[in-house]
Amino acid sequence: MRLLKAIITMSLALLAISSCTNNTTVSPGWYASGNGGIVAAGKPASAQAGIDILSQGGNAVDGAVAVIFCLAVSDYGSFCIGGEVPFIFYNSENGKVKVFNGMGGAPGDQDAIDWCYQNGIPDQGIRASTVPSAVSTCLTALEMNGTMTLEQIITPTLALLDTGSEPWYENLAKTFRKLIETEKNTEGTREQKIRKARDRFYKGDIADELNDYYIRSGGFLRKSDLEAHRTTVEEPVSFQYRDYSVYKCNTWTQGPVLLQSLRLLEKFDIESMGHLSADYIHVTTEAMKLAYADRDKYYGDPAFVDVPLQQLLSDEYTDVRWPLIDMNQSSEEIRPGNPFNLAAIDGPGLYWGGGHGTTNCVVADRWGNVVAATPSSNSEYGICESLGIAHNTRLSSLNTQEGHPNSLQPGKRPRITLTPTIVIRDGKPVMAISVAGGDWQDQVALQLFLDNVEFGLKPKEAISSPRFQTYQVEDSFNPSSDPVSRMLNIGVLGIYSTDPSLLDDLRDRGHIIEIVTEIARPVIVYMDQETGIAYAAGEPVYKHCAAINIPESVR
């Protein structure tokens, strides 16, 4: 019955979206291609919303914001409107990549922070929430780089909510209509109208109602936290691998860990090893172990801590780190380096023993603009029912280890796993990737990148290829003060493959093999700059993600 209800609900939602657009609805699958605009995102209803916006003349930012608002409904449980969304944008007009910092900070009240150090950081409910940032991120991106009104963008979401399939739909629809009301009643430019709508959420009567809810429910956030929140626009972190420039968010995400992995892997002839060979899987796994060890030791909110990122990505540091990779032996040591003194290992090396909500959004438009975003929120939300606003539980991505770069402080952003990727070649975008899957996100993004760059696979083939993951990383959702307890499983390598000779080879090198059937849920768009055709794909087996292109009849 639950499955039947879900199918009926999604069918009604798609029909509702179709009725309020230019009737561009096609059937989203797990892969697509075209040259008029393309979307790879979470559930089909949200992917369809993005395509409808592109079909109406919107650009990639317009389409992505429409997708993200819809995902708060269609992918509820993986994302909610009170969640967060790192957002990378390639602007075809100037050839620049910008990051909209989509993460909210911890509560500003020191008493709340002290409570967490005494009692532990909660992992569910409103006390686990950082400032809800997704609305600010979306409206800031729409204001600065979009072309359409908030009302146009949010219409597909209202169509979903007006189906009334869940009790909270009506109240969230009323909240969104308040934002539209503000936009309509504000004099000035499109940008000024959108900014005023944002202010109503973070400074006006909506913020007042949220503040009452926080107090009534024993939460730590206050209206002052909402008022202080800003979506900053930042320079991305990038690295040139061969002739590809890879762009990531800064260390308020785990994004640079992919760049550190690539720095190590460029020392090896990956292509000659062969796709999914034992050598390839081994060297990639060992490189990721080293990169993640640095992530766990050094990454944190750069507004609060001095992360040695330039040193971590430097030639000199890479030169002392890559010889640690033994092609014949898997390492079971946690080996962060020392980028300050250019030491390969910071200390002797230690043995540390020891399904969260996220969805996807990648949009490319006909003009060459590209957005990669990773909306998330974790689950077990605290919910302001009167507004229909569910909140993230991202506070648990900080920890209570005194002096650690990712330790809890008032207003500090947690170092999150959400990590969209944009890849540029010869000044033009060639790949955009978004992955749902916690600590595995950059492991999968790295493999999808190498699938294309080293082995020539397009999205459909890359997405459907076997993947692998190392568990030799800290659990980014464990806020313990003890780094030992934060570690997952030392030496364990999860892999799709059941090839006996391959698995025996990996075991001979010391890997503890775990056969898995799913590793994260990625979407990817590849843009062929010679033909102008974009190729998209999402996870095919479990159908968590949909890909869709603009039908030729409306291009």
Protein backbone atom coordinates (compact mmCIF):
# COMPACT_ATOMS: atom_id res chain seq x y z
CA MET A 1 0.00 0.00 0.00
CA ARG A 2 2.81 2.42 0.78
CA LEU A 3 4.38 1.81 -2.60
CA LEU A 4 1.02 2.30 -4.35
CA LYS A 5 0.44 5.54 -2.43
CA ALA A 6 3.91 6.81 -3.36
CA ILE A 7 3.32 6.03 -7.05
CA ILE A 8 -0.06 7.78 -7.05
CA THR A 9 1.36 10.79 -5.20
CA MET A 10 4.25 11.21 -7.62
CA SER A 11 1.96 10.79 -10.63
CA LEU A 12 -0.35 13.52 -9.34
CA ALA A 13 2.65 15.77 -8.69
CA LEU A 14 4.02 15.32 -12.20
CA LEU A 15 0.57 15.98 -13.64
CA ALA A 16 0.25 19.12 -11.54
CA ILE A 17 3.62 20.43 -12.71
CA SER A 18 2.75 19.70 -16.31
CA SER A 19 -0.50 21.66 -16.05
CA CYS A 20 1.23 24.84 -14.86
CA THR A 21 4.07 24.93 -17.41
CA ASN A 22 4.51 24.87 -21.14
CA ASN A 23 3.61 21.17 -21.24
CA THR A 24 7.21 20.10 -21.84
CA THR A 25 6.84 16.99 -19.70
CA VAL A 26 8.76 13.97 -20.93
CA SER A 27 9.48 10.80 -19.01
CA PRO A 28 12.64 11.18 -16.91
CA GLY A 29 14.89 8.16 -16.99
CA TRP A 30 18.26 7.47 -15.45
CA TYR A 31 20.15 8.91 -18.41
CA ALA A 32 19.54 11.52 -21.11
CA SER A 33 21.33 13.62 -23.73
CA GLY A 34 20.63 16.76 -25.71
CA ASN A 35 21.84 20.23 -26.59
CA GLY A 36 18.97 22.44 -25.40
CA GLY A 37 19.41 22.14 -21.65
CA ILE A 38 19.68 19.17 -19.30
CA VAL A 39 19.00 18.29 -15.66
CA ALA A 40 20.16 15.43 -13.44
CA ALA A 41 18.63 15.56 -9.99
CA GLY A 42 16.70 13.65 -7.35
CA LYS A 43 13.15 12.48 -7.91
CA PRO A 44 11.54 12.88 -11.37
CA ALA A 45 9.15 15.64 -10.27
CA SER A 46 12.06 17.89 -9.31
CA ALA A 47 14.10 17.10 -12.42
CA GLN A 48 11.01 17.91 -14.48
CA ALA A 49 10.65 21.26 -12.69
CA GLY A 50 14.16 22.23 -13.74
CA ILE A 51 13.54 21.28 -17.35
CA ASP A 52 10.30 23.25 -17.43
CA ILE A 53 12.11 26.36 -16.20
CA LEU A 54 14.84 25.92 -18.83
CA SER A 55 12.15 25.41 -21.48
CA GLN A 56 10.57 28.72 -20.48
CA GLY A 57 13.85 30.53 -21.13
CA GLY A 58 15.40 30.34 -17.69
CA ASN A 59 19.10 29.80 -17.23
CA ALA A 60 20.94 27.16 -15.19
CA VAL A 61 20.59 29.10 -11.94
CA ASP A 62 16.85 29.54 -12.47
CA GLY A 63 16.54 25.82 -13.21
CA ALA A 64 18.67 24.72 -10.27
CA VAL A 65 16.79 26.88 -7.77
CA ALA A 66 13.49 25.48 -9.06
CA VAL A 67 14.88 21.94 -8.67
CA ILE A 68 16.11 22.60 -5.13
CA PHE A 69 12.81 24.02 -3.89
CA CYS A 70 11.02 21.01 -5.39
CA LEU A 71 13.49 18.58 -3.82
CA ALA A 72 12.42 19.85 -0.39
CA VAL A 73 9.07 18.22 -1.20
CA SER A 74 9.79 15.32 -3.57
CA ASP A 75 12.93 14.19 -1.71
CA TYR A 76 11.75 15.05 1.79
CA GLY A 77 13.78 12.95 4.20
CA SER A 78 16.89 13.45 2.09
CA PHE A 79 16.44 17.23 2.05
CA CYS A 80 14.11 19.76 3.62
CA ILE A 81 13.62 23.48 3.16
CA GLY A 82 15.42 24.13 6.45
CA GLY A 83 18.47 22.26 5.20
CA GLU A 84 21.65 23.31 3.42
CA VAL A 85 22.93 23.30 -0.16
CA PRO A 86 26.51 23.96 -1.33
CA PHE A 87 26.04 25.57 -4.77
CA ILE A 88 28.73 25.97 -7.49
CA PHE A 89 28.00 28.06 -10.58
CA TYR A 90 29.93 28.32 -13.86
CA ASN A 91 29.07 31.60 -15.61
CA SER A 92 29.45 31.33 -19.39
CA GLU A 93 29.49 35.12 -19.78
CA ASN A 94 32.79 35.55 -17.96
CA GLY A 95 34.12 31.99 -17.76
CA LYS A 96 34.29 32.19 -13.95
CA VAL A 97 33.28 29.69 -11.28
CA LYS A 98 31.73 30.94 -8.06
CA VAL A 99 30.59 29.19 -4.89
CA PHE A 100 27.51 30.17 -2.92
CA ASN A 101 28.29 29.09 0.62
CA GLY A 102 25.18 27.08 1.39
CA MET A 103 25.85 26.14 5.02
CA GLY A 104 24.38 27.74 8.13
CA GLY A 105 26.25 28.22 11.36
CA ALA A 106 25.82 26.85 14.86
CA PRO A 107 23.66 28.77 17.35
CA GLY A 108 25.30 31.95 18.60
CA ASP A 109 24.39 31.45 22.25
CA GLN A 110 27.46 30.39 24.25
CA ASP A 111 25.22 28.76 26.87
CA ALA A 112 23.86 26.46 24.16
CA ILE A 113 27.38 25.57 23.08
CA ASP A 114 28.39 24.87 26.68
CA TRP A 115 25.35 22.59 27.04
CA CYS A 116 26.51 20.58 24.02
CA TYR A 117 30.00 20.14 25.47
CA GLN A 118 28.50 18.94 28.75
CA ASN A 119 25.76 16.72 27.34
CA GLY A 120 26.91 15.90 23.82
CA ILE A 121 25.76 17.33 20.49
CA PRO A 122 22.23 16.09 19.72
CA ASP A 123 21.75 14.12 16.51
CA GLN A 124 18.03 14.70 16.06
CA GLY A 125 15.33 17.26 16.69
CA ILE A 126 15.51 21.04 16.75
CA ARG A 127 18.46 21.15 19.16
CA ALA A 128 20.57 19.52 16.43
CA SER A 129 19.85 22.28 13.90
CA THR A 130 22.20 24.87 12.49
CA VAL A 131 20.74 28.00 10.91
CA PRO A 132 18.49 26.92 8.01
CA SER A 133 20.40 28.16 4.98
CA ALA A 134 18.87 26.68 1.81
CA VAL A 135 16.32 29.47 1.31
CA SER A 136 19.03 32.12 1.60
CA THR A 137 21.38 30.25 -0.74
CA CYS A 138 18.72 29.78 -3.41
CA LEU A 139 17.40 33.33 -3.26
CA THR A 140 20.90 34.84 -3.22
CA ALA A 141 21.87 32.82 -6.32
CA LEU A 142 18.57 33.72 -8.00
CA GLU A 143 19.04 37.40 -7.18
CA MET A 144 22.64 37.58 -8.39
CA ASN A 145 22.71 35.23 -11.38
CA GLY A 146 19.15 34.19 -12.20
CA THR A 147 16.79 35.82 -14.69
CA MET A 148 13.31 34.87 -13.48
CA THR A 149 11.09 35.90 -10.59
CA LEU A 150 10.69 33.93 -7.40
CA GLU A 151 7.06 33.34 -8.31
CA GLN A 152 8.05 31.70 -11.61
CA ILE A 153 10.71 29.59 -9.92
CA ILE A 154 8.57 28.36 -7.07
CA THR A 155 5.43 27.58 -9.09
CA PRO A 156 6.40 23.91 -9.69
CA THR A 157 6.96 23.46 -5.95
CA LEU A 158 3.55 24.94 -5.17
CA ALA A 159 2.04 22.51 -7.68
CA LEU A 160 3.57 19.66 -5.68
CA LEU A 161 2.42 21.10 -2.36
CA ASP A 162 -1.10 21.79 -3.60
CA THR A 163 -1.63 18.05 -4.14
CA GLY A 164 -1.98 17.95 -0.34
CA SER A 165 -0.39 14.52 -0.14
CA GLU A 166 1.16 15.19 3.28
CA PRO A 167 -0.27 17.14 6.23
CA TRP A 168 2.53 19.72 6.20
CA TYR A 169 2.16 20.60 2.52
CA GLU A 170 -0.55 23.22 3.13
CA ASN A 171 1.43 25.20 5.68
CA LEU A 172 4.66 25.18 3.68
CA ALA A 173 2.69 26.35 0.63
CA LYS A 174 1.33 29.24 2.72
CA THR A 175 4.89 30.14 3.77
CA PHE A 176 6.10 30.15 0.17
CA ARG A 177 3.10 32.26 -0.88
CA LYS A 178 4.09 34.80 1.78
CA LEU A 179 7.46 35.13 0.03
CA ILE A 180 5.73 35.58 -3.32
CA GLU A 181 3.40 38.16 -1.76
CA THR A 182 6.42 40.14 -0.56
CA GLU A 183 8.03 39.94 -3.99
CA LYS A 184 4.86 41.24 -5.67
CA ASN A 185 4.31 44.06 -3.17
CA THR A 186 7.88 45.36 -3.27
CA GLU A 187 8.71 48.19 -5.65
CA GLY A 188 12.00 48.09 -7.50
CA THR A 189 14.05 45.72 -9.61
CA ARG A 190 13.71 41.94 -9.84
CA GLU A 191 16.75 41.67 -7.60
CA GLN A 192 15.36 44.02 -4.94
CA LYS A 193 12.08 42.12 -4.86
CA ILE A 194 13.83 38.77 -4.32
CA ARG A 195 16.04 40.27 -1.62
CA LYS A 196 12.99 41.58 0.21
CA ALA A 197 11.40 38.13 0.07
CA ARG A 198 14.56 36.64 1.58
CA ASP A 199 14.49 39.24 4.34
CA ARG A 200 10.95 38.29 5.26
CA PHE A 201 12.14 34.74 5.92
CA TYR A 202 15.24 35.71 7.93
CA LYS A 203 14.23 39.06 9.49
CA GLY A 204 10.45 39.44 9.28
CA ASP A 205 7.32 37.72 10.53
CA ILE A 206 8.46 34.27 9.38
CA ALA A 207 11.60 34.68 11.48
CA ASP A 208 9.43 35.80 14.42
CA GLU A 209 7.33 32.67 14.14
CA LEU A 210 10.43 30.49 13.89
CA ASN A 211 11.85 32.19 16.98
CA ASP A 212 8.67 31.41 18.92
CA TYR A 213 8.97 27.79 17.82
CA TYR A 214 12.63 27.59 18.89
CA ILE A 215 11.80 28.87 22.36
CA ARG A 216 8.65 26.75 22.73
CA SER A 217 10.43 23.55 21.66
CA GLY A 218 13.62 24.05 23.68
CA GLY A 219 15.78 24.72 20.62
CA PHE A 220 19.06 26.63 20.68
CA LEU A 221 18.54 28.87 17.64
CA ARG A 222 17.05 32.37 17.92
CA LYS A 223 15.86 35.08 15.54
CA SER A 224 19.24 36.80 16.02
CA ASP A 225 20.88 33.76 14.39
CA LEU A 226 18.54 34.05 11.40
CA GLU A 227 19.15 37.80 11.12
CA ALA A 228 22.93 37.34 11.21
CA HIS A 229 22.97 34.68 8.49
CA ARG A 230 24.41 35.61 5.10
CA THR A 231 25.08 33.51 2.01
CA THR A 232 28.64 34.45 1.16
CA VAL A 233 29.86 34.24 -2.44
CA GLU A 234 33.32 32.70 -2.52
CA GLU A 235 36.13 31.74 -4.81
CA PRO A 236 36.27 27.97 -5.33
CA VAL A 237 39.27 25.80 -4.52
CA SER A 238 40.76 24.34 -7.69
CA PHE A 239 43.50 22.09 -9.01
CA GLN A 240 44.74 21.41 -12.52
CA TYR A 241 44.83 17.67 -13.26
CA ARG A 242 46.37 17.15 -16.68
CA ASP A 243 44.46 19.75 -18.74
CA TYR A 244 41.34 19.67 -16.56
CA SER A 245 40.61 22.29 -13.89
CA VAL A 246 38.60 20.77 -11.02
CA TYR A 247 36.59 23.17 -8.83
CA LYS A 248 35.35 22.47 -5.32
CA CYS A 249 33.99 24.33 -2.29
CA ASN A 250 36.38 25.32 0.50
CA THR A 251 37.04 23.39 3.71
CA TRP A 252 33.63 24.11 5.22
CA THR A 253 33.01 21.03 3.07
CA GLN A 254 35.19 17.98 2.48
CA GLY A 255 35.56 19.05 -1.18
CA PRO A 256 39.34 19.63 -1.28
CA VAL A 257 39.90 15.99 -0.30
CA LEU A 258 39.15 15.09 -3.94
CA LEU A 259 41.85 17.52 -5.07
CA GLN A 260 44.35 16.07 -2.61
CA SER A 261 43.57 12.59 -3.93
CA LEU A 262 44.17 13.76 -7.50
CA ARG A 263 47.47 15.36 -6.50
CA LEU A 264 48.68 11.96 -5.29
CA LEU A 265 47.27 10.01 -8.23
CA GLU A 266 48.88 12.22 -10.87
CA LYS A 267 52.17 10.63 -9.84
CA PHE A 268 50.94 7.32 -11.29
CA ASP A 269 50.08 6.19 -14.82
CA ILE A 270 46.42 5.52 -14.09
CA GLU A 271 45.33 4.87 -17.67
CA SER A 272 47.87 2.09 -18.19
CA MET A 273 46.59 0.24 -15.14
CA GLY A 274 43.21 -0.38 -16.81
CA HIS A 275 39.73 0.50 -15.66
CA LEU A 276 38.76 -1.31 -12.43
CA SER A 277 41.96 -3.34 -12.40
CA ALA A 278 43.41 -4.39 -9.05
CA ASP A 279 46.25 -1.88 -9.45
CA TYR A 280 43.82 0.96 -10.19
CA ILE A 281 41.51 0.15 -7.29
CA HIS A 282 44.45 -0.28 -4.91
CA VAL A 283 46.28 2.94 -5.77
CA THR A 284 43.09 5.00 -5.72
CA THR A 285 42.09 3.56 -2.37
CA GLU A 286 45.51 4.20 -0.83
CA ALA A 287 45.54 7.77 -2.16
CA MET A 288 42.10 8.40 -0.67
CA LYS A 289 43.23 7.08 2.71
CA LEU A 290 46.04 9.62 2.82
CA ALA A 291 43.84 12.48 1.63
CA TYR A 292 41.06 11.66 4.10
CA ALA A 293 43.54 11.47 6.97
CA ASP A 294 44.44 15.08 6.22
CA ARG A 295 40.76 15.98 5.91
CA ASP A 296 40.04 14.58 9.34
CA LYS A 297 42.99 16.37 10.94
CA TYR A 298 42.95 19.80 9.27
CA TYR A 299 39.60 20.71 7.67
CA GLY A 300 37.13 23.08 9.28
CA ASP A 301 35.26 26.33 8.70
CA PRO A 302 37.92 28.67 7.24
CA ALA A 303 36.15 31.63 8.85
CA PHE A 304 37.16 30.17 12.24
CA VAL A 305 40.33 28.16 11.66
CA ASP A 306 43.49 28.58 9.60
CA VAL A 307 43.40 25.54 7.32
CA PRO A 308 46.79 25.00 5.59
CA LEU A 309 45.08 24.35 2.26
CA GLN A 310 47.76 25.88 0.06
CA GLN A 311 50.36 23.66 1.69
CA LEU A 312 48.14 20.56 1.52
CA LEU A 313 47.81 21.01 -2.26
CA SER A 314 51.42 22.05 -2.89
CA ASP A 315 53.95 20.21 -5.06
CA GLU A 316 56.35 19.95 -2.14
CA TYR A 317 53.84 18.31 0.18
CA THR A 318 52.63 15.95 -2.53
CA ASP A 319 56.22 14.90 -3.21
CA VAL A 320 56.69 13.70 0.37
CA ARG A 321 53.28 12.04 0.60
CA TRP A 322 52.87 9.95 -2.55
CA PRO A 323 55.84 7.60 -1.81
CA LEU A 324 53.82 6.36 1.18
CA ILE A 325 51.65 4.44 -1.29
CA ASP A 326 52.92 0.86 -1.48
CA MET A 327 51.51 -0.83 -4.59
CA ASN A 328 51.88 -4.23 -2.95
CA GLN A 329 50.44 -3.55 0.49
CA SER A 330 47.30 -1.91 1.85
CA SER A 331 47.95 0.41 4.79
CA GLU A 332 45.91 0.11 7.98
CA GLU A 333 47.47 3.19 9.55
CA ILE A 334 45.85 6.60 9.86
CA ARG A 335 48.57 8.79 8.40
CA PRO A 336 47.92 12.52 8.27
CA GLY A 337 50.97 14.44 7.15
CA ASN A 338 52.53 17.65 8.38
CA PRO A 339 52.20 20.27 5.60
CA PHE A 340 53.97 22.90 7.71
CA ASN A 341 57.23 20.98 8.06
CA LEU A 342 56.74 18.94 4.87
CA ALA A 343 56.74 15.70 6.84
CA ALA A 344 55.16 12.67 5.19
CA ILE A 345 53.53 11.57 8.46
CA ASP A 346 52.61 13.70 11.46
CA GLY A 347 53.72 11.27 14.14
CA PRO A 348 54.38 7.54 13.84
CA GLY A 349 50.99 6.64 12.37
CA LEU A 350 48.15 5.38 14.51
CA TYR A 351 45.76 2.46 14.52
CA TRP A 352 42.36 3.94 15.24
CA GLY A 353 39.61 1.40 15.46
CA GLY A 354 36.39 2.11 15.34
CA GLY A 355 22.69 6.79 5.43
CA HIS A 356 22.24 10.17 5.96
CA GLY A 357 19.89 12.40 4.01
CA THR A 358 21.21 14.02 0.84
CA THR A 359 20.01 14.43 -2.72
CA ASN A 360 21.37 15.88 -5.99
CA CYS A 361 21.10 18.69 -8.50
CA VAL A 362 23.08 19.36 -11.70
CA VAL A 363 21.75 21.72 -14.38
CA ALA A 364 23.28 22.87 -17.68
CA ASP A 365 21.53 25.37 -19.95
CA ARG A 366 21.71 26.09 -23.68
CA TRP A 367 24.08 29.04 -23.14
CA GLY A 368 26.77 27.00 -21.38
CA ASN A 369 25.98 27.97 -17.78
CA VAL A 370 26.28 25.12 -15.29
CA VAL A 371 25.22 24.57 -11.68
CA ALA A 372 26.24 21.71 -9.41
CA ALA A 373 24.57 21.63 -6.01
CA THR A 374 24.13 19.06 -3.23
CA PRO A 375 21.02 19.70 -1.12
CA SER A 376 20.89 17.94 2.24
CA SER A 377 19.63 18.15 5.81
CA ASN A 378 20.01 14.78 7.59
CA SER A 379 16.79 13.39 9.02
CA GLU A 380 14.85 13.25 12.31
CA TYR A 381 14.00 16.90 11.72
CA GLY A 382 12.77 19.49 14.17
CA ILE A 383 9.63 20.88 12.54
CA CYS A 384 7.88 24.21 12.89
CA GLU A 385 4.46 22.86 11.97
CA SER A 386 2.71 26.23 11.66
CA LEU A 387 5.08 27.20 8.82
CA GLY A 388 5.64 23.70 7.42
CA ILE A 389 9.39 24.24 7.85
CA ALA A 390 11.49 21.21 8.77
CA HIS A 391 15.03 21.88 10.01
CA ASN A 392 18.33 20.14 9.39
CA THR A 393 20.22 18.20 12.05
CA ARG A 394 23.63 19.29 10.81
CA LEU A 395 25.01 20.38 14.19
CA SER A 396 26.14 16.76 14.64
CA SER A 397 28.67 17.26 11.83
CA LEU A 398 30.71 19.32 14.31
CA ASN A 399 32.50 17.62 17.21
CA THR A 400 33.37 18.33 20.83
CA GLN A 401 37.12 17.62 20.59
CA GLU A 402 38.69 20.72 22.10
CA GLY A 403 41.02 22.49 19.68
CA HIS A 404 40.01 20.42 16.65
CA PRO A 405 39.44 22.48 13.46
CA ASN A 406 35.87 21.14 13.31
CA SER A 407 35.00 21.60 16.98
CA LEU A 408 31.77 23.30 17.98
CA GLN A 409 31.84 27.10 18.44
CA PRO A 410 29.10 29.75 18.37
CA GLY A 411 28.19 30.62 14.79
CA LYS A 412 30.64 28.13 13.30
CA ARG A 413 29.70 26.16 10.19
CA PRO A 414 30.22 22.39 10.45
CA ARG A 415 32.62 20.79 7.99
CA ILE A 416 30.07 18.95 5.91
CA THR A 417 30.43 16.10 3.43
CA LEU A 418 28.33 17.84 0.76
CA THR A 419 30.60 18.49 -2.16
CA PRO A 420 29.45 19.37 -5.69
CA THR A 421 32.08 19.43 -8.45
CA ILE A 422 32.55 21.40 -11.68
CA VAL A 423 35.30 20.51 -14.17
CA ILE A 424 36.61 22.92 -16.84
CA ARG A 425 38.74 22.16 -19.89
CA ASP A 426 40.09 24.84 -22.24
CA GLY A 427 37.91 27.40 -20.49
CA LYS A 428 34.66 25.47 -21.01
CA PRO A 429 32.71 23.23 -18.62
CA VAL A 430 32.97 19.52 -19.35
CA MET A 431 31.64 17.88 -16.19
CA ALA A 432 29.38 18.63 -13.25
CA ILE A 433 28.90 16.10 -10.47
CA SER A 434 26.72 15.87 -7.38
CA VAL A 435 26.76 12.87 -5.06
CA ALA A 436 24.54 11.87 -2.14
CA GLY A 437 26.32 9.59 0.29
CA GLY A 438 28.06 11.16 3.27
CA ASP A 439 31.77 10.40 3.53
CA TRP A 440 31.66 8.50 0.25
CA GLN A 441 30.69 11.54 -1.82
CA ASP A 442 34.17 12.59 -2.91
CA GLN A 443 35.30 8.99 -3.23
CA VAL A 444 32.58 8.46 -5.84
CA ALA A 445 33.10 11.87 -7.49
CA LEU A 446 36.80 11.02 -7.83
CA GLN A 447 35.99 7.73 -9.57
CA LEU A 448 33.47 9.35 -11.93
CA PHE A 449 36.05 11.98 -12.85
CA LEU A 450 38.71 9.34 -13.55
CA ASP A 451 36.18 7.19 -15.44
CA ASN A 452 35.92 9.99 -17.98
CA VAL A 453 39.36 11.60 -17.96
CA GLU A 454 41.47 8.44 -17.82
CA PHE A 455 39.16 5.87 -19.39
CA GLY A 456 36.86 7.87 -21.67
CA LEU A 457 33.54 6.77 -20.15
CA LYS A 458 30.49 8.98 -20.62
CA PRO A 459 27.94 9.37 -17.77
CA LYS A 460 25.75 6.39 -18.63
CA GLU A 461 28.72 3.99 -18.63
CA ALA A 462 30.48 5.65 -15.69
CA ILE A 463 27.42 5.71 -13.42
CA SER A 464 26.61 2.07 -14.12
CA SER A 465 30.19 0.84 -13.59
CA PRO A 466 31.17 -0.89 -10.32
CA ARG A 467 32.44 1.45 -7.61
CA PHE A 468 34.49 1.01 -4.46
CA GLN A 469 35.02 2.82 -1.16
CA THR A 470 37.43 2.80 1.74
CA TYR A 471 35.95 2.81 5.23
CA GLN A 472 39.26 4.01 6.66
CA VAL A 473 37.90 7.50 7.38
CA GLU A 474 36.30 9.33 10.27
CA ASP A 475 32.51 9.27 10.42
CA SER A 476 31.49 12.86 9.68
CA PHE A 477 28.22 12.35 11.56
CA ASN A 478 29.78 11.30 14.85
CA PRO A 479 30.25 14.41 17.05
CA SER A 480 32.29 12.59 19.72
CA SER A 481 35.26 14.29 21.34
CA ASP A 482 37.26 11.07 20.82
CA PRO A 483 38.80 10.68 17.33
CA VAL A 484 39.20 6.95 17.92
CA SER A 485 35.46 6.46 18.29
CA ARG A 486 34.84 8.59 15.18
CA MET A 487 36.72 6.16 12.95
CA LEU A 488 34.78 3.73 10.80
CA ASN A 489 36.40 0.39 9.79
CA ILE A 490 40.15 0.20 9.38
CA GLY A 491 41.38 -1.67 6.32
CA VAL A 492 37.90 -2.39 4.92
CA LEU A 493 37.32 -1.89 1.20
CA GLY A 494 33.72 -1.97 -0.01
CA ILE A 495 33.31 -2.94 -3.66
CA TYR A 496 30.58 -3.90 -6.13
CA SER A 497 32.62 -6.49 -8.04
CA THR A 498 32.37 -10.23 -7.48
CA ASP A 499 35.25 -11.11 -9.84
CA PRO A 500 37.14 -13.82 -7.86
CA SER A 501 40.59 -13.09 -9.33
CA LEU A 502 40.24 -9.34 -8.72
CA LEU A 503 39.09 -9.81 -5.15
CA ASP A 504 41.83 -12.33 -4.42
CA ASP A 505 44.45 -9.90 -5.74
CA LEU A 506 43.12 -7.13 -3.49
CA ARG A 507 43.03 -9.47 -0.49
CA ASP A 508 46.63 -10.48 -1.17
CA ARG A 509 47.56 -6.80 -0.82
CA GLY A 510 45.91 -6.69 2.60
CA HIS A 511 42.48 -5.23 1.84
CA ILE A 512 39.57 -6.54 3.89
CA ILE A 513 36.88 -6.98 1.24
CA GLU A 514 33.22 -6.23 1.80
CA ILE A 515 30.88 -6.86 -1.12
CA VAL A 516 28.30 -4.05 -1.34
CA THR A 517 25.38 -3.41 -3.68
CA GLU A 518 25.22 0.38 -3.45
CA ILE A 519 27.86 3.07 -2.93
CA ALA A 520 26.36 6.54 -2.74
CA ARG A 521 23.90 8.01 -5.26
CA PRO A 522 25.56 10.23 -7.86
CA VAL A 523 24.40 12.30 -10.80
CA ILE A 524 26.72 13.57 -13.50
CA VAL A 525 26.48 15.74 -16.58
CA TYR A 526 29.20 15.57 -19.24
CA MET A 527 29.32 18.34 -21.85
CA ASP A 528 30.96 17.44 -25.15
CA GLN A 529 32.39 20.76 -26.26
CA GLU A 530 33.05 19.51 -29.80
CA THR A 531 29.47 18.44 -30.55
CA GLY A 532 27.58 20.67 -28.11
CA ILE A 533 25.71 17.66 -26.72
CA ALA A 534 25.34 17.19 -22.97
CA TYR A 535 25.03 13.69 -21.48
CA ALA A 536 23.45 13.12 -18.05
CA ALA A 537 22.96 10.11 -15.82
CA GLY A 538 21.76 9.24 -12.33
CA GLU A 539 21.92 6.09 -10.22
CA PRO A 540 20.28 3.36 -12.36
CA VAL A 541 19.80 0.50 -9.94
CA TYR A 542 17.81 2.11 -7.16
CA LYS A 543 16.44 4.97 -9.29
CA HIS A 544 17.24 7.58 -6.68
CA CYS A 545 18.01 10.15 -9.35
CA ALA A 546 16.51 11.24 -12.66
CA ALA A 547 18.02 12.72 -15.81
CA ILE A 548 16.04 14.68 -18.39
CA ASN A 549 16.70 16.95 -21.37
CA ILE A 550 14.57 19.56 -23.14
CA PRO A 551 12.47 17.99 -25.90
CA GLU A 552 13.49 19.11 -29.39
CA SER A 553 10.02 20.54 -30.04
CA VAL A 554 10.55 23.34 -27.52
CA ARG A 555 14.23 24.17 -28.10
